[in-house]
């Protein structure tokens, strides 16, 4: 099944190196955090909609689209309208659902590895983000060695 995720452009570097990592699915009052976190309400928001309008997203999350492929029978993929009412208070579920076209929403209850994610495209023209995916987004741990350079250190 092809679904979509709309990250902020600033998050592409982390996504390129880690994939889509699960986060808190819904905001909870600070007093409710221990019970909320104990229930492991963490996942990755996905949608059937190829365009971010009416998805309840912040403006920063409406610039880039990732296509994500998840197996139809993957037990970690749950429909928001099935999962939300069973796991959240009616008030929290209704509050989130009113933000957009919630009938198109899905949650993946785990991290999504990079191999399931397509290159990012810009929402306004559907062209690839002007970098190679994911290679140009990954920050190198150390710069490449420079030929003919010596650090001056000697092994003991």
C-alpha atoms as a PDB file:
ATOM      1  CA  UNK A   1       0.000   0.000   0.000  1.00  0.00           C
ATOM      2  CA  UNK A   2       1.348   3.414  -0.911  1.00  0.00           C
ATOM      3  CA  UNK A   3       0.824   6.083   1.716  1.00  0.00           C
ATOM      4  CA  UNK A   4       2.321   9.522   2.215  1.00  0.00           C
ATOM      5  CA  UNK A   5       4.137  11.416   4.934  1.00  0.00           C
ATOM      6  CA  UNK A   6       4.653  15.185   4.901  1.00  0.00           C
ATOM      7  CA  UNK A   7       7.725  16.131   6.940  1.00  0.00           C
ATOM      8  CA  UNK A   8       9.213  19.564   7.402  1.00  0.00           C
ATOM      9  CA  UNK A   9      12.106  20.062   4.979  1.00  0.00           C
ATOM     10  CA  UNK A  10      14.405  20.521   7.991  1.00  0.00           C
ATOM     11  CA  UNK A  11      13.703  16.907   9.043  1.00  0.00           C
ATOM     12  CA  UNK A  12      14.939  15.312   5.804  1.00  0.00           C
ATOM     13  CA  UNK A  13      18.510  14.875   7.062  1.00  0.00           C
ATOM     14  CA  UNK A  14      17.345  12.841  10.064  1.00  0.00           C
ATOM     15  CA  UNK A  15      14.913  10.838   7.929  1.00  0.00           C
ATOM     16  CA  UNK A  16      17.652  10.028   5.399  1.00  0.00           C
ATOM     17  CA  UNK A  17      19.845   8.540   8.111  1.00  0.00           C
ATOM     18  CA  UNK A  18      17.223   7.008  10.444  1.00  0.00           C
ATOM     19  CA  UNK A  19      14.074   6.520   8.378  1.00  0.00           C
ATOM     20  CA  UNK A  20      10.784   7.757   9.822  1.00  0.00           C
ATOM     21  CA  UNK A  21      10.954   7.338  13.567  1.00  0.00           C
ATOM     22  CA  UNK A  22       7.881   6.956  15.710  1.00  0.00           C
ATOM     23  CA  UNK A  23       6.827   9.854  17.869  1.00  0.00           C
ATOM     24  CA  UNK A  24       4.024  10.676  20.252  1.00  0.00           C
ATOM     25  CA  UNK A  25       0.772  10.167  18.350  1.00  0.00           C
ATOM     26  CA  UNK A  26      -1.299  12.705  20.262  1.00  0.00           C
ATOM     27  CA  UNK A  27      -0.611  15.451  22.714  1.00  0.00           C
ATOM     28  CA  UNK A  28      -1.500  14.651  26.290  1.00  0.00           C
ATOM     29  CA  UNK A  29      -1.716  16.828  29.363  1.00  0.00           C
ATOM     30  CA  UNK A  30       1.472  16.651  31.459  1.00  0.00           C
ATOM     31  CA  UNK A  31      -0.409  14.900  34.281  1.00  0.00           C
ATOM     32  CA  UNK A  32      -1.377  12.107  31.860  1.00  0.00           C
ATOM     33  CA  UNK A  33       2.149  11.476  30.527  1.00  0.00           C
ATOM     34  CA  UNK A  34       3.060   8.459  32.715  1.00  0.00           C
ATOM     35  CA  UNK A  35      -0.053   6.483  31.717  1.00  0.00           C
ATOM     36  CA  UNK A  36       0.126   7.711  28.132  1.00  0.00           C
ATOM     37  CA  UNK A  37       3.784   6.708  27.693  1.00  0.00           C
ATOM     38  CA  UNK A  38       3.241   3.378  29.466  1.00  0.00           C
ATOM     39  CA  UNK A  39       0.684   2.502  26.778  1.00  0.00           C
ATOM     40  CA  UNK A  40       3.297   3.211  24.086  1.00  0.00           C
ATOM     41  CA  UNK A  41       1.176   5.544  22.023  1.00  0.00           C
ATOM     42  CA  UNK A  42       3.959   6.189  19.552  1.00  0.00           C
ATOM     43  CA  UNK A  43       3.895   5.838  15.798  1.00  0.00           C
ATOM     44  CA  UNK A  44       4.368   7.509  12.428  1.00  0.00           C
ATOM     45  CA  UNK A  45       1.457   9.453  10.938  1.00  0.00           C
ATOM     46  CA  UNK A  46       0.655   8.551   7.324  1.00  0.00           C
ATOM     47  CA  UNK A  47      -2.138   9.489   4.952  1.00  0.00           C
ATOM     48  CA  UNK A  48      -3.774   8.234   1.775  1.00  0.00           C
ATOM     49  CA  UNK A  49      -3.874  11.814   0.473  1.00  0.00           C
ATOM     50  CA  UNK A  50      -1.173  12.704  -2.055  1.00  0.00           C
ATOM     51  CA  UNK A  51      -1.612  16.403  -1.220  1.00  0.00           C
ATOM     52  CA  UNK A  52      -1.327  17.888   2.284  1.00  0.00           C
ATOM     53  CA  UNK A  53      -4.389  20.133   2.184  1.00  0.00           C
ATOM     54  CA  UNK A  54      -7.095  19.212   4.707  1.00  0.00           C
ATOM     55  CA  UNK A  55      -4.679  16.946   6.582  1.00  0.00           C
ATOM     56  CA  UNK A  56      -4.375  19.111   9.693  1.00  0.00           C
ATOM     57  CA  UNK A  57      -0.693  19.891   9.080  1.00  0.00           C
ATOM     58  CA  UNK A  58       1.408  22.892  10.027  1.00  0.00           C
ATOM     59  CA  UNK A  59       2.573  25.082   7.121  1.00  0.00           C
ATOM     60  CA  UNK A  60       6.155  23.784   7.535  1.00  0.00           C
ATOM     61  CA  UNK A  61       4.891  20.238   6.924  1.00  0.00           C
ATOM     62  CA  UNK A  62       3.286  21.150   3.621  1.00  0.00           C
ATOM     63  CA  UNK A  63       6.427  21.618   1.488  1.00  0.00           C
ATOM     64  CA  UNK A  64       7.728  18.071   0.974  1.00  0.00           C
ATOM     65  CA  UNK A  65       6.044  14.706   0.383  1.00  0.00           C
ATOM     66  CA  UNK A  66       7.480  11.255   0.936  1.00  0.00           C
ATOM     67  CA  UNK A  67       5.852   8.153  -0.518  1.00  0.00           C
ATOM     68  CA  UNK A  68       5.933   5.225   1.887  1.00  0.00           C
ATOM     69  CA  UNK A  69       5.248   1.591   1.034  1.00  0.00           C
ATOM     70  CA  UNK A  70       3.780  -0.664   3.731  1.00  0.00           C
ATOM     71  CA  UNK A  71       2.371  -4.158   3.231  1.00  0.00           C
ATOM     72  CA  UNK A  72      -1.432  -4.279   3.284  1.00  0.00           C
ATOM     73  CA  UNK A  73      -1.380  -6.977   5.964  1.00  0.00           C
ATOM     74  CA  UNK A  74       1.307  -5.429   8.178  1.00  0.00           C
ATOM     75  CA  UNK A  75      -0.159  -5.600  11.715  1.00  0.00           C
ATOM     76  CA  UNK A  76       1.710  -2.417  12.699  1.00  0.00           C
ATOM     77  CA  UNK A  77      -0.275  -0.388  10.158  1.00  0.00           C
ATOM     78  CA  UNK A  78      -3.568   0.737  11.676  1.00  0.00           C
ATOM     79  CA  UNK A  79      -6.345   2.947  10.375  1.00  0.00           C
ATOM     80  CA  UNK A  80      -6.727   6.069  12.527  1.00  0.00           C
ATOM     81  CA  UNK A  81     -10.516   5.741  12.661  1.00  0.00           C
ATOM     82  CA  UNK A  82     -10.148   2.178  14.026  1.00  0.00           C
ATOM     83  CA  UNK A  83      -7.221   2.745  16.380  1.00  0.00           C
ATOM     84  CA  UNK A  84      -7.948   6.217  17.807  1.00  0.00           C
ATOM     85  CA  UNK A  85     -11.327   5.591  19.479  1.00  0.00           C
ATOM     86  CA  UNK A  86     -10.009   2.439  21.173  1.00  0.00           C
ATOM     87  CA  UNK A  87      -6.855   3.988  22.603  1.00  0.00           C
ATOM     88  CA  UNK A  88      -7.507   7.679  23.230  1.00  0.00           C
ATOM     89  CA  UNK A  89     -10.099   9.564  25.183  1.00  0.00           C
ATOM     90  CA  UNK A  90     -13.109  10.652  23.137  1.00  0.00           C
ATOM     91  CA  UNK A  91     -12.067  14.275  23.652  1.00  0.00           C
ATOM     92  CA  UNK A  92      -8.517  13.714  22.337  1.00  0.00           C
ATOM     93  CA  UNK A  93      -9.692  11.599  19.405  1.00  0.00           C
ATOM     94  CA  UNK A  94     -12.360  14.112  18.372  1.00  0.00           C
ATOM     95  CA  UNK A  95      -9.976  17.051  18.754  1.00  0.00           C
ATOM     96  CA  UNK A  96      -7.396  15.458  16.445  1.00  0.00           C
ATOM     97  CA  UNK A  97      -9.931  14.135  13.956  1.00  0.00           C
ATOM     98  CA  UNK A  98     -11.455  17.578  13.445  1.00  0.00           C
ATOM     99  CA  UNK A  99      -8.105  18.952  12.195  1.00  0.00           C
ATOM    100  CA  UNK A 100      -8.480  17.399   8.756  1.00  0.00           C
ATOM    101  CA  UNK A 101      -9.696  14.518   6.625  1.00  0.00           C
ATOM    102  CA  UNK A 102      -9.154  11.908   9.335  1.00  0.00           C
ATOM    103  CA  UNK A 103     -10.742   9.128   7.285  1.00  0.00           C
ATOM    104  CA  UNK A 104      -7.541   9.171   5.170  1.00  0.00           C
ATOM    105  CA  UNK A 105      -5.158   8.845   8.131  1.00  0.00           C
ATOM    106  CA  UNK A 106      -3.092   5.839   9.157  1.00  0.00           C
ATOM    107  CA  UNK A 107      -0.583   5.211  11.922  1.00  0.00           C
ATOM    108  CA  UNK A 108       2.396   2.896  11.665  1.00  0.00           C
ATOM    109  CA  UNK A 109       3.199   1.684  15.186  1.00  0.00           C
ATOM    110  CA  UNK A 110       6.945   1.391  14.638  1.00  0.00           C
ATOM    111  CA  UNK A 111       9.820   3.096  12.862  1.00  0.00           C
ATOM    112  CA  UNK A 112       9.764   2.989   9.058  1.00  0.00           C
ATOM    113  CA  UNK A 113      13.158   2.149   7.519  1.00  0.00           C
ATOM    114  CA  UNK A 114      14.579   4.243   4.714  1.00  0.00           C
ATOM    115  CA  UNK A 115      14.171   1.455   2.135  1.00  0.00           C
ATOM    116  CA  UNK A 116      10.384   1.869   2.385  1.00  0.00           C
ATOM    117  CA  UNK A 117      10.564   5.592   1.629  1.00  0.00           C
ATOM    118  CA  UNK A 118      10.839   7.252  -1.785  1.00  0.00           C
ATOM    119  CA  UNK A 119      12.854  10.351  -2.550  1.00  0.00           C
ATOM    120  CA  UNK A 120      11.215  13.557  -1.336  1.00  0.00           C
ATOM    121  CA  UNK A 121       9.284  15.667  -3.817  1.00  0.00           C
ATOM    122  CA  UNK A 122       8.150  19.243  -3.447  1.00  0.00           C
ATOM    123  CA  UNK A 123       4.420  19.536  -2.895  1.00  0.00           C
ATOM    124  CA  UNK A 124       3.833  22.516  -5.188  1.00  0.00           C
ATOM    125  CA  UNK A 125       5.328  20.965  -8.362  1.00  0.00           C
ATOM    126  CA  UNK A 126       6.012  17.302  -7.497  1.00  0.00           C
ATOM    127  CA  UNK A 127       9.666  17.613  -8.527  1.00  0.00           C
ATOM    128  CA  UNK A 128      12.415  15.858  -6.566  1.00  0.00           C
ATOM    129  CA  UNK A 129      14.022  17.936  -3.845  1.00  0.00           C
ATOM    130  CA  UNK A 130      17.288  19.081  -5.457  1.00  0.00           C
ATOM    131  CA  UNK A 131      19.589  16.614  -3.712  1.00  0.00           C
ATOM    132  CA  UNK A 132      20.261  12.925  -4.213  1.00  0.00           C
ATOM    133  CA  UNK A 133      18.110  10.850  -1.831  1.00  0.00           C
ATOM    134  CA  UNK A 134      19.207   9.814   0.714  1.00  0.00           C
ATOM    135  CA  UNK A 135      22.970  10.228   0.147  1.00  0.00           C
ATOM    136  CA  UNK A 136      23.192  14.030   0.019  1.00  0.00           C
ATOM    137  CA  UNK A 137      21.091  14.380   3.175  1.00  0.00           C
ATOM    138  CA  UNK A 138      23.240  12.188   5.391  1.00  0.00           C
ATOM    139  CA  UNK A 139      25.790  14.124   7.396  1.00  0.00           C
ATOM    140  CA  UNK A 140      29.128  12.341   7.332  1.00  0.00           C
ATOM    141  CA  UNK A 141      30.466  11.294  10.733  1.00  0.00           C
ATOM    142  CA  UNK A 142      33.996  12.414   9.786  1.00  0.00           C
ATOM    143  CA  UNK A 143      35.388  14.300   6.829  1.00  0.00           C
ATOM    144  CA  UNK A 144      37.199  12.228   4.206  1.00  0.00           C
ATOM    145  CA  UNK A 145      40.962  11.915   4.547  1.00  0.00           C
ATOM    146  CA  UNK A 146      42.995  14.480   2.690  1.00  0.00           C
ATOM    147  CA  UNK A 147      45.848  13.068   0.618  1.00  0.00           C
ATOM    148  CA  UNK A 148      49.290  14.135   1.816  1.00  0.00           C
ATOM    149  CA  UNK A 149      48.055  15.446   5.170  1.00  0.00           C
ATOM    150  CA  UNK A 150      49.585  14.255   8.413  1.00  0.00           C
ATOM    151  CA  UNK A 151      48.075  14.916  11.814  1.00  0.00           C
ATOM    152  CA  UNK A 152      51.514  14.889  13.438  1.00  0.00           C
ATOM    153  CA  UNK A 153      50.395  12.228  15.914  1.00  0.00           C
ATOM    154  CA  UNK A 154      52.367   9.053  16.318  1.00  0.00           C
ATOM    155  CA  UNK A 155      51.185   5.713  17.606  1.00  0.00           C
ATOM    156  CA  UNK A 156      52.514   4.592  20.981  1.00  0.00           C
END
